[in-house]
PDB file of N, CA and C in Angstrom:
ATOM      1  N   MET A   1     -29.018 -10.392 -14.419  1.00  0.00           N
ATOM      2  CA  MET A   1     -29.251  -8.895 -14.077  1.00  0.00           C
ATOM      3  C   MET A   1     -30.599  -8.395 -13.804  1.00  0.00           C
ATOM      4  N   ILE A   2     -30.845  -7.498 -12.843  1.00  0.00           N
ATOM      5  CA  ILE A   2     -32.198  -6.931 -12.610  1.00  0.00           C
ATOM      6  C   ILE A   2     -32.524  -5.897 -13.668  1.00  0.00           C
ATOM      7  N   ARG A   3     -33.417  -5.925 -14.251  1.00  0.00           N
ATOM      8  CA  ARG A   3     -34.021  -5.100 -15.263  1.00  0.00           C
ATOM      9  C   ARG A   3     -34.895  -3.969 -14.641  1.00  0.00           C
ATOM     10  N   ARG A   4     -34.281  -2.655 -14.547  1.00  0.00           N
ATOM     11  CA  ARG A   4     -35.092  -1.698 -13.755  1.00  0.00           C
ATOM     12  C   ARG A   4     -35.698  -0.861 -14.895  1.00  0.00           C
ATOM     13  N   VAL A   5     -36.843   0.157 -14.496  1.00  0.00           N
ATOM     14  CA  VAL A   5     -37.512   0.817 -15.302  1.00  0.00           C
ATOM     15  C   VAL A   5     -37.728   1.965 -14.601  1.00  0.00           C
ATOM     16  N   GLY A   6     -38.028   3.224 -15.264  1.00  0.00           N
ATOM     17  CA  GLY A   6     -38.602   4.636 -14.554  1.00  0.00           C
ATOM     18  C   GLY A   6     -37.573   5.099 -13.950  1.00  0.00           C
ATOM     19  N   ALA A   7     -37.780   5.631 -12.529  1.00  0.00           N
ATOM     20  CA  ALA A   7     -37.138   6.657 -12.076  1.00  0.00           C
ATOM     21  C   ALA A   7     -36.079   5.774 -11.339  1.00  0.00           C
ATOM     22  N   GLU A   8     -36.327   4.314 -10.865  1.00  0.00           N
ATOM     23  CA  GLU A   8     -35.380   3.420 -10.413  1.00  0.00           C
ATOM     24  C   GLU A   8     -34.374   3.355 -11.194  1.00  0.00           C
ATOM     25  N   ALA A   9     -34.252   3.026 -12.581  1.00  0.00           N
ATOM     26  CA  ALA A   9     -33.283   2.965 -13.704  1.00  0.00           C
ATOM     27  C   ALA A   9     -32.458   4.249 -13.548  1.00  0.00           C
ATOM     28  N   ASP A  10     -33.251   5.330 -13.834  1.00  0.00           N
ATOM     29  CA  ASP A  10     -32.624   6.448 -13.424  1.00  0.00           C
ATOM     30  C   ASP A  10     -31.694   6.941 -12.552  1.00  0.00           C
ATOM     31  N   VAL A  11     -32.170   6.378 -11.282  1.00  0.00           N
ATOM     32  CA  VAL A  11     -31.223   6.585  -9.640  1.00  0.00           C
ATOM     33  C   VAL A  11     -30.141   5.467  -9.660  1.00  0.00           C
ATOM     34  N   ALA A  12     -30.674   4.254 -10.419  1.00  0.00           N
ATOM     35  CA  ALA A  12     -29.478   3.355 -10.576  1.00  0.00           C
ATOM     36  C   ALA A  12     -28.196   3.584 -11.322  1.00  0.00           C
ATOM     37  N   SER A  13     -28.568   4.275 -12.733  1.00  0.00           N
ATOM     38  CA  SER A  13     -27.547   4.860 -13.605  1.00  0.00           C
ATOM     39  C   SER A  13     -26.924   5.753 -12.836  1.00  0.00           C
ATOM     40  N   VAL A  14     -27.202   7.095 -12.061  1.00  0.00           N
ATOM     41  CA  VAL A  14     -26.544   7.863 -11.399  1.00  0.00           C
ATOM     42  C   VAL A  14     -25.596   7.623 -10.643  1.00  0.00           C
ATOM     43  N   VAL A  15     -25.883   6.518  -9.452  1.00  0.00           N
ATOM     44  CA  VAL A  15     -25.512   5.905  -8.646  1.00  0.00           C
ATOM     45  C   VAL A  15     -24.055   5.222  -9.138  1.00  0.00           C
ATOM     46  N   ASP A  16     -24.435   4.196 -10.029  1.00  0.00           N
ATOM     47  CA  ASP A  16     -23.517   3.656 -10.993  1.00  0.00           C
ATOM     48  C   ASP A  16     -22.207   4.508 -11.524  1.00  0.00           C
ATOM     49  N   ALA A  17     -22.753   5.697 -12.094  1.00  0.00           N
ATOM     50  CA  ALA A  17     -21.807   6.511 -12.652  1.00  0.00           C
ATOM     51  C   ALA A  17     -20.915   7.210 -11.524  1.00  0.00           C
ATOM     52  N   VAL A  18     -21.310   7.773 -10.424  1.00  0.00           N
ATOM     53  CA  VAL A  18     -20.821   8.073  -9.303  1.00  0.00           C
ATOM     54  C   VAL A  18     -19.621   7.305  -8.902  1.00  0.00           C
ATOM     55  N   LEU A  19     -20.059   5.865  -8.634  1.00  0.00           N
ATOM     56  CA  LEU A  19     -19.250   4.932  -8.269  1.00  0.00           C
ATOM     57  C   LEU A  19     -18.129   4.555  -9.085  1.00  0.00           C
ATOM     58  N   ALA A  20     -18.358   4.582 -10.242  1.00  0.00           N
ATOM     59  CA  ALA A  20     -17.266   4.464 -11.605  1.00  0.00           C
ATOM     60  C   ALA A  20     -16.573   5.526 -11.430  1.00  0.00           C
ATOM     61  N   GLY A  21     -16.658   6.750 -11.158  1.00  0.00           N
ATOM     62  CA  GLY A  21     -16.005   8.056 -11.022  1.00  0.00           C
ATOM     63  C   GLY A  21     -15.032   7.911 -10.077  1.00  0.00           C
ATOM     64  N   ILE A  22     -15.519   7.338  -8.774  1.00  0.00           N
ATOM     65  CA  ILE A  22     -14.646   7.346  -7.485  1.00  0.00           C
ATOM     66  C   ILE A  22     -13.642   6.300  -7.589  1.00  0.00           C
ATOM     67  N   ARG A  23     -14.074   4.983  -8.429  1.00  0.00           N
ATOM     68  CA  ARG A  23     -13.202   4.014  -8.821  1.00  0.00           C
ATOM     69  C   ARG A  23     -12.196   4.111  -9.527  1.00  0.00           C
ATOM     70  N   ASP A  24     -12.667   5.110 -10.808  1.00  0.00           N
ATOM     71  CA  ASP A  24     -11.361   5.617 -11.634  1.00  0.00           C
ATOM     72  C   ASP A  24     -10.537   6.507 -10.974  1.00  0.00           C
ATOM     73  N   ALA A  25     -11.135   7.694 -10.123  1.00  0.00           N
ATOM     74  CA  ALA A  25      -9.949   8.345  -9.481  1.00  0.00           C
ATOM     75  C   ALA A  25      -9.284   7.693  -8.603  1.00  0.00           C
ATOM     76  N   VAL A  26      -9.596   6.955  -7.928  1.00  0.00           N
ATOM     77  CA  VAL A  26      -8.980   5.987  -6.896  1.00  0.00           C
ATOM     78  C   VAL A  26      -7.685   5.221  -7.726  1.00  0.00           C
ATOM     79  N   VAL A  27      -8.182   4.751  -8.515  1.00  0.00           N
ATOM     80  CA  VAL A  27      -7.405   3.771  -9.379  1.00  0.00           C
ATOM     81  C   VAL A  27      -6.051   4.684 -10.094  1.00  0.00           C
ATOM     82  N   LYS A  28      -6.331   5.967 -10.366  1.00  0.00           N
ATOM     83  CA  LYS A  28      -5.123   6.632 -10.716  1.00  0.00           C
ATOM     84  C   LYS A  28      -4.327   7.563  -9.712  1.00  0.00           C
ATOM     85  N   GLY A  29      -5.060   7.137  -8.516  1.00  0.00           N
ATOM     86  CA  GLY A  29      -3.996   7.571  -7.375  1.00  0.00           C
ATOM     87  C   GLY A  29      -4.749   8.899  -6.530  1.00  0.00           C
ATOM     88  N   ASP A  30      -5.940   9.399  -6.973  1.00  0.00           N
ATOM     89  CA  ASP A  30      -6.466  10.570  -6.721  1.00  0.00           C
ATOM     90  C   ASP A  30      -7.106  10.280  -5.499  1.00  0.00           C
ATOM     91  N   ARG A  31      -7.214  11.395  -4.694  1.00  0.00           N
ATOM     92  CA  ARG A  31      -8.065  11.258  -3.438  1.00  0.00           C
ATOM     93  C   ARG A  31      -9.130  12.015  -3.518  1.00  0.00           C
ATOM     94  N   VAL A  32     -10.543  11.168  -3.249  1.00  0.00           N
ATOM     95  CA  VAL A  32     -11.855  11.608  -3.512  1.00  0.00           C
ATOM     96  C   VAL A  32     -12.364  12.041  -2.322  1.00  0.00           C
ATOM     97  N   SER A  33     -12.819  13.099  -1.769  1.00  0.00           N
ATOM     98  CA  SER A  33     -13.458  13.376  -0.630  1.00  0.00           C
ATOM     99  C   SER A  33     -14.920  13.946  -0.732  1.00  0.00           C
ATOM    100  N   LEU A  34     -15.759  13.174   0.089  1.00  0.00           N
ATOM    101  CA  LEU A  34     -17.183  13.745  -0.111  1.00  0.00           C
ATOM    102  C   LEU A  34     -17.760  14.299   1.057  1.00  0.00           C
ATOM    103  N   SER A  35     -17.849  15.567   1.136  1.00  0.00           N
ATOM    104  CA  SER A  35     -17.880  16.214   2.537  1.00  0.00           C
ATOM    105  C   SER A  35     -18.987  16.102   3.590  1.00  0.00           C
ATOM    106  N   GLY A  36     -18.756  15.637   4.570  1.00  0.00           N
ATOM    107  CA  GLY A  36     -19.769  15.113   5.697  1.00  0.00           C
ATOM    108  C   GLY A  36     -19.797  13.387   5.319  1.00  0.00           C
ATOM    109  N   PHE A  37     -19.335  12.714   4.435  1.00  0.00           N
ATOM    110  CA  PHE A  37     -19.395  11.356   4.287  1.00  0.00           C
ATOM    111  C   PHE A  37     -18.136  10.618   4.595  1.00  0.00           C
ATOM    112  N   GLY A  38     -16.843  11.051   3.779  1.00  0.00           N
ATOM    113  CA  GLY A  38     -15.792  10.565   3.995  1.00  0.00           C
ATOM    114  C   GLY A  38     -14.872  10.695   2.950  1.00  0.00           C
ATOM    115  N   THR A  39     -13.779   9.693   2.948  1.00  0.00           N
ATOM    116  CA  THR A  39     -12.681  10.075   1.877  1.00  0.00           C
ATOM    117  C   THR A  39     -12.089   8.801   1.226  1.00  0.00           C
ATOM    118  N   PHE A  40     -11.994   8.488   0.152  1.00  0.00           N
ATOM    119  CA  PHE A  40     -11.469   7.317  -0.748  1.00  0.00           C
ATOM    120  C   PHE A  40     -10.080   7.481  -0.955  1.00  0.00           C
ATOM    121  N   ASP A  41      -9.406   6.746  -0.592  1.00  0.00           N
ATOM    122  CA  ASP A  41      -7.818   6.690  -1.096  1.00  0.00           C
ATOM    123  C   ASP A  41      -7.325   5.528  -1.577  1.00  0.00           C
ATOM    124  N   ARG A  42      -6.178   5.717  -2.110  1.00  0.00           N
ATOM    125  CA  ARG A  42      -5.204   4.338  -2.023  1.00  0.00           C
ATOM    126  C   ARG A  42      -3.810   4.587  -1.448  1.00  0.00           C
ATOM    127  N   VAL A  43      -3.842   3.366  -0.848  1.00  0.00           N
ATOM    128  CA  VAL A  43      -2.352   3.546   0.018  1.00  0.00           C
ATOM    129  C   VAL A  43      -1.644   2.232  -0.502  1.00  0.00           C
ATOM    130  N   ARG A  44      -0.222   2.407  -0.426  1.00  0.00           N
ATOM    131  CA  ARG A  44       0.534   1.400  -0.739  1.00  0.00           C
ATOM    132  C   ARG A  44       0.960   0.301   0.579  1.00  0.00           C
ATOM    133  N   ARG A  45       0.672  -0.880   0.488  1.00  0.00           N
ATOM    134  CA  ARG A  45       1.223  -1.774   1.341  1.00  0.00           C
ATOM    135  C   ARG A  45       2.644  -2.314   0.926  1.00  0.00           C
ATOM    136  N   ASN A  46       3.588  -2.266   1.903  1.00  0.00           N
ATOM    137  CA  ASN A  46       4.952  -2.812   1.278  1.00  0.00           C
ATOM    138  C   ASN A  46       5.033  -4.149   1.682  1.00  0.00           C
ATOM    139  N   PRO A  47       5.717  -5.020   1.089  1.00  0.00           N
ATOM    140  CA  PRO A  47       6.072  -6.307   0.927  1.00  0.00           C
ATOM    141  C   PRO A  47       6.399  -6.715   2.528  1.00  0.00           C
ATOM    142  N   ARG A  48       5.916  -8.093   2.708  1.00  0.00           N
ATOM    143  CA  ARG A  48       5.956  -8.369   3.990  1.00  0.00           C
ATOM    144  C   ARG A  48       5.899 -10.061   4.149  1.00  0.00           C
ATOM    145  N   THR A  49       6.251 -10.551   5.193  1.00  0.00           N
ATOM    146  CA  THR A  49       6.352 -12.166   5.377  1.00  0.00           C
ATOM    147  C   THR A  49       4.964 -12.311   5.881  1.00  0.00           C
ATOM    148  N   GLY A  50       4.385 -13.306   5.512  1.00  0.00           N
ATOM    149  CA  GLY A  50       3.266 -13.995   6.163  1.00  0.00           C
ATOM    150  C   GLY A  50       3.402 -15.260   6.723  1.00  0.00           C
ATOM    151  N   ARG A  51       2.365 -15.918   6.987  1.00  0.00           N
ATOM    152  CA  ARG A  51       2.545 -17.522   7.311  1.00  0.00           C
ATOM    153  C   ARG A  51       1.278 -18.230   6.649  1.00  0.00           C
ATOM    154  N   ASN A  52       1.586 -19.511   6.196  1.00  0.00           N
ATOM    155  CA  ASN A  52       0.666 -20.223   5.608  1.00  0.00           C
ATOM    156  C   ASN A  52      -0.070 -20.922   6.639  1.00  0.00           C
ATOM    157  N   PRO A  53      -1.585 -20.804   6.892  1.00  0.00           N
ATOM    158  CA  PRO A  53      -1.855 -21.058   7.830  1.00  0.00           C
ATOM    159  C   PRO A  53      -2.105 -22.404   8.128  1.00  0.00           C
ATOM    160  N   HIS A  54      -2.270 -23.275   7.168  1.00  0.00           N
ATOM    161  CA  HIS A  54      -2.310 -25.031   7.036  1.00  0.00           C
ATOM    162  C   HIS A  54      -0.715 -25.576   7.578  1.00  0.00           C
ATOM    163  N   THR A  55       0.305 -25.226   6.885  1.00  0.00           N
ATOM    164  CA  THR A  55       1.469 -25.464   7.219  1.00  0.00           C
ATOM    165  C   THR A  55       2.354 -24.750   8.308  1.00  0.00           C
ATOM    166  N   GLY A  56       2.227 -23.497   8.337  1.00  0.00           N
ATOM    167  CA  GLY A  56       2.940 -22.529   9.332  1.00  0.00           C
ATOM    168  C   GLY A  56       4.104 -22.013   8.644  1.00  0.00           C
ATOM    169  N   GLU A  57       4.470 -22.472   7.375  1.00  0.00           N
ATOM    170  CA  GLU A  57       5.682 -21.976   6.543  1.00  0.00           C
ATOM    171  C   GLU A  57       5.527 -20.515   6.239  1.00  0.00           C
ATOM    172  N   PRO A  58       6.900 -19.718   6.418  1.00  0.00           N
ATOM    173  CA  PRO A  58       6.522 -18.250   5.908  1.00  0.00           C
ATOM    174  C   PRO A  58       6.232 -18.212   4.354  1.00  0.00           C
ATOM    175  N   VAL A  59       5.521 -17.038   4.121  1.00  0.00           N
ATOM    176  CA  VAL A  59       5.316 -17.016   2.779  1.00  0.00           C
ATOM    177  C   VAL A  59       5.623 -15.485   2.156  1.00  0.00           C
ATOM    178  N   GLN A  60       6.316 -15.168   1.205  1.00  0.00           N
ATOM    179  CA  GLN A  60       6.491 -13.875   0.830  1.00  0.00           C
ATOM    180  C   GLN A  60       5.296 -13.154   0.282  1.00  0.00           C
ATOM    181  N   ILE A  61       4.704 -12.276   0.872  1.00  0.00           N
ATOM    182  CA  ILE A  61       3.519 -11.532   0.429  1.00  0.00           C
ATOM    183  C   ILE A  61       4.002 -10.012  -0.449  1.00  0.00           C
ATOM    184  N   PRO A  62       3.744  -9.934  -1.570  1.00  0.00           N
ATOM    185  CA  PRO A  62       4.216  -8.754  -2.382  1.00  0.00           C
ATOM    186  C   PRO A  62       3.555  -7.804  -2.152  1.00  0.00           C
ATOM    187  N   ALA A  63       4.270  -6.388  -2.594  1.00  0.00           N
ATOM    188  CA  ALA A  63       3.599  -5.084  -2.216  1.00  0.00           C
ATOM    189  C   ALA A  63       2.385  -4.619  -3.177  1.00  0.00           C
ATOM    190  N   ARG A  64       1.528  -4.207  -2.488  1.00  0.00           N
ATOM    191  CA  ARG A  64       0.665  -3.943  -3.548  1.00  0.00           C
ATOM    192  C   ARG A  64      -0.165  -2.542  -3.088  1.00  0.00           C
ATOM    193  N   ASN A  65      -1.027  -1.805  -3.906  1.00  0.00           N
ATOM    194  CA  ASN A  65      -1.938  -0.603  -3.555  1.00  0.00           C
ATOM    195  C   ASN A  65      -3.286  -1.522  -3.126  1.00  0.00           C
ATOM    196  N   VAL A  66      -3.794  -0.717  -2.101  1.00  0.00           N
ATOM    197  CA  VAL A  66      -5.307  -1.288  -1.704  1.00  0.00           C
ATOM    198  C   VAL A  66      -6.093   0.167  -1.526  1.00  0.00           C
ATOM    199  N   PRO A  67      -7.542   0.020  -1.697  1.00  0.00           N
ATOM    200  CA  PRO A  67      -8.267   1.277  -1.633  1.00  0.00           C
ATOM    201  C   PRO A  67      -8.604   1.083   0.010  1.00  0.00           C
ATOM    202  N   VAL A  68      -8.688   2.448   0.406  1.00  0.00           N
ATOM    203  CA  VAL A  68      -9.052   2.640   1.942  1.00  0.00           C
ATOM    204  C   VAL A  68     -10.332   3.673   1.877  1.00  0.00           C
ATOM    205  N   PHE A  69     -11.236   3.588   3.070  1.00  0.00           N
ATOM    206  CA  PHE A  69     -11.939   4.600   3.018  1.00  0.00           C
ATOM    207  C   PHE A  69     -11.933   5.151   4.444  1.00  0.00           C
ATOM    208  N   ARG A  70     -12.016   6.453   4.646  1.00  0.00           N
ATOM    209  CA  ARG A  70     -11.934   7.069   5.976  1.00  0.00           C
ATOM    210  C   ARG A  70     -13.484   8.035   6.210  1.00  0.00           C
ATOM    211  N   PRO A  71     -13.945   7.337   6.986  1.00  0.00           N
ATOM    212  CA  PRO A  71     -15.373   8.223   7.140  1.00  0.00           C
ATOM    213  C   PRO A  71     -15.194   9.376   7.705  1.00  0.00           C
ATOM    214  N   GLY A  72     -15.829  10.314   7.603  1.00  0.00           N
ATOM    215  CA  GLY A  72     -16.003  11.858   7.902  1.00  0.00           C
ATOM    216  C   GLY A  72     -16.455  11.850   9.404  1.00  0.00           C
ATOM    217  N   SER A  73     -16.401  13.233   9.727  1.00  0.00           N
ATOM    218  CA  SER A  73     -17.069  13.259  11.220  1.00  0.00           C
ATOM    219  C   SER A  73     -18.262  13.082  11.022  1.00  0.00           C
ATOM    220  N   GLY A  74     -19.150  13.761  10.350  1.00  0.00           N
ATOM    221  CA  GLY A  74     -20.340  13.586  10.220  1.00  0.00           C
ATOM    222  C   GLY A  74     -21.041  12.153  10.367  1.00  0.00           C
ATOM    223  N   PHE A  75     -20.652  11.464   9.242  1.00  0.00           N
ATOM    224  CA  PHE A  75     -21.047   9.996   9.139  1.00  0.00           C
ATOM    225  C   PHE A  75     -20.398   9.300  10.117  1.00  0.00           C
ATOM    226  N   ARG A  76     -19.314   9.442  10.688  1.00  0.00           N
ATOM    227  CA  ARG A  76     -19.030   8.663  11.984  1.00  0.00           C
ATOM    228  C   ARG A  76     -19.872   9.010  13.302  1.00  0.00           C
ATOM    229  N   GLU A  77     -20.096  10.229  13.377  1.00  0.00           N
ATOM    230  CA  GLU A  77     -20.896  10.665  14.633  1.00  0.00           C
ATOM    231  C   GLU A  77     -22.326  10.314  14.420  1.00  0.00           C
ATOM    232  N   ALA A  78     -22.743  10.030  13.214  1.00  0.00           N
ATOM    233  CA  ALA A  78     -24.420   9.314  13.225  1.00  0.00           C
ATOM    234  C   ALA A  78     -24.406   8.030  13.355  1.00  0.00           C
ATOM    235  N   VAL A  79     -23.285   7.298  13.110  1.00  0.00           N
ATOM    236  CA  VAL A  79     -23.442   5.893  12.959  1.00  0.00           C
ATOM    237  C   VAL A  79     -23.351   5.678  14.817  1.00  0.00           C
ATOM    238  N   ALA A  80     -22.319   6.340  15.431  1.00  0.00           N
ATOM    239  CA  ALA A  80     -22.313   6.133  16.587  1.00  0.00           C
ATOM    240  C   ALA A  80     -22.893   6.722  17.745  1.00  0.00           C
ATOM    241  N   ALA A  81     -23.893   7.297  17.077  1.00  0.00           N
ATOM    242  CA  ALA A  81     -24.949   7.897  17.997  1.00  0.00           C
ATOM    243  C   ALA A  81     -25.999   6.920  18.522  1.00  0.00           C
ATOM    244  N   PRO A  82     -26.624   6.945  19.769  1.00  0.00           N
ATOM    245  CA  PRO A  82     -27.265   6.107  20.373  1.00  0.00           C
ATOM    246  C   PRO A  82     -28.693   6.049  19.245  1.00  0.00           C
ATOM    247  N   ARG A  83     -29.384   4.636  19.316  1.00  0.00           N
ATOM    248  CA  ARG A  83     -30.546   4.639  18.588  1.00  0.00           C
ATOM    249  C   ARG A  83     -31.476   4.891  19.589  1.00  0.00           C
ATOM    250  N   ARG A  84     -32.602   5.773  19.286  1.00  0.00           N
ATOM    251  CA  ARG A  84     -33.620   6.336  19.995  1.00  0.00           C
ATOM    252  C   ARG A  84     -34.690   4.794  19.850  1.00  0.00           C
ATOM    253  N   LYS A  85     -35.322   4.560  20.783  1.00  0.00           N
ATOM    254  CA  LYS A  85     -35.946   3.504  20.771  1.00  0.00           C
ATOM    255  C   LYS A  85     -37.544   3.955  20.212  1.00  0.00           C
ATOM    256  N   ARG A  86     -37.828   3.079  19.363  1.00  0.00           N
ATOM    257  CA  ARG A  86     -38.942   3.701  18.609  1.00  0.00           C
ATOM    258  C   ARG A  86     -40.747   3.190  19.483  1.00  0.00           C
ATOM    259  N   ALA A  87     -41.407   4.042  19.853  1.00  0.00           N
ATOM    260  CA  ALA A  87     -42.306   3.729  20.586  1.00  0.00           C
ATOM    261  C   ALA A  87     -43.185   2.486  20.076  1.00  0.00           C
ATOM    262  N   ALA A  88     -43.612   1.726  21.049  1.00  0.00           N
ATOM    263  CA  ALA A  88     -44.442   0.435  20.788  1.00  0.00           C
ATOM    264  C   ALA A  88     -45.545   0.647  19.964  1.00  0.00           C
ATOM    265  N   ALA A  89     -45.884  -0.141  19.062  1.00  0.00           N
ATOM    266  CA  ALA A  89     -47.033   0.073  18.262  1.00  0.00           C
ATOM    267  C   ALA A  89     -48.372  -0.417  18.974  1.00  0.00           C
ATOM    268  N   PRO A  90     -49.199   0.284  18.975  1.00  0.00           N
ATOM    269  CA  PRO A  90     -50.424  -0.457  19.882  1.00  0.00           C
ATOM    270  C   PRO A  90     -50.663  -1.810  19.345  1.00  0.00           C
ATOM    271  N   ARG A  91     -51.171  -2.661  20.322  1.00  0.00           N
ATOM    272  CA  ARG A  91     -51.435  -4.316  19.714  1.00  0.00           C
ATOM    273  C   ARG A  91     -52.827  -4.120  19.363  1.00  0.00           C
ATOM    274  N   ARG A  92     -53.295  -4.807  18.173  1.00  0.00           N
ATOM    275  CA  ARG A  92     -54.403  -4.978  17.594  1.00  0.00           C
ATOM    276  C   ARG A  92     -54.867  -6.269  18.321  1.00  0.00           C
ATOM    277  N   ARG A  93     -56.219  -6.193  18.315  1.00  0.00           N
ATOM    278  CA  ARG A  93     -57.000  -6.890  18.798  1.00  0.00           C
ATOM    279  C   ARG A  93     -57.454  -7.990  18.035  1.00  0.00           C
ATOM    280  N   THR A  94     -57.208  -9.304  17.830  1.00  0.00           N
ATOM    281  CA  THR A  94     -57.661 -10.083  17.160  1.00  0.00           C
ATOM    282  C   THR A  94     -58.991 -10.801  17.530  1.00  0.00           C
ATOM    283  N   ARG A  95     -59.644 -11.393  16.702  1.00  0.00           N
ATOM    284  CA  ARG A  95     -60.543 -12.540  16.967  1.00  0.00           C
ATOM    285  C   ARG A  95     -60.020 -13.778  17.340  1.00  0.00           C
ATOM    286  N   SER A  96     -60.674 -14.310  18.356  1.00  0.00           N
ATOM    287  CA  SER A  96     -60.277 -15.695  18.573  1.00  0.00           C
ATOM    288  C   SER A  96     -61.105 -16.655  17.555  1.00  0.00           C
ATOM    289  N   LYS A  97     -59.930 -18.017  17.109  1.00  0.00           N
ATOM    290  CA  LYS A  97     -60.287 -18.711  16.328  1.00  0.00           C
ATOM    291  C   LYS A  97     -61.154 -19.779  17.183  1.00  0.00           C
ATOM    292  N   ARG A  98     -62.308 -19.653  17.052  1.00  0.00           N
ATOM    293  CA  ARG A  98     -63.206 -20.949  17.628  1.00  0.00           C
ATOM    294  C   ARG A  98     -63.867 -21.628  16.786  1.00  0.00           C
TER     295      ARG A  98
END
């Protein structure tokens, strides 16, 4: 475990608390929506028949609940936006090694 001090420790504890709150709410079946970022939710997957990749035999996969994240429009647009090229940094002149 990395030991954090000062402001970094404060930020880490706040982020950990927020993530724990989101996780606990989704476990209970609540939907958590962060405006401009996205929505965390829980969905139920029905039982289905899959295949064992080694033998090809059918395998029964039980029903289960899984977490899902749906990005918000602001987040989706920011990710999809084309990246601007940064201006090339001027090259430094170096002394030749003679």
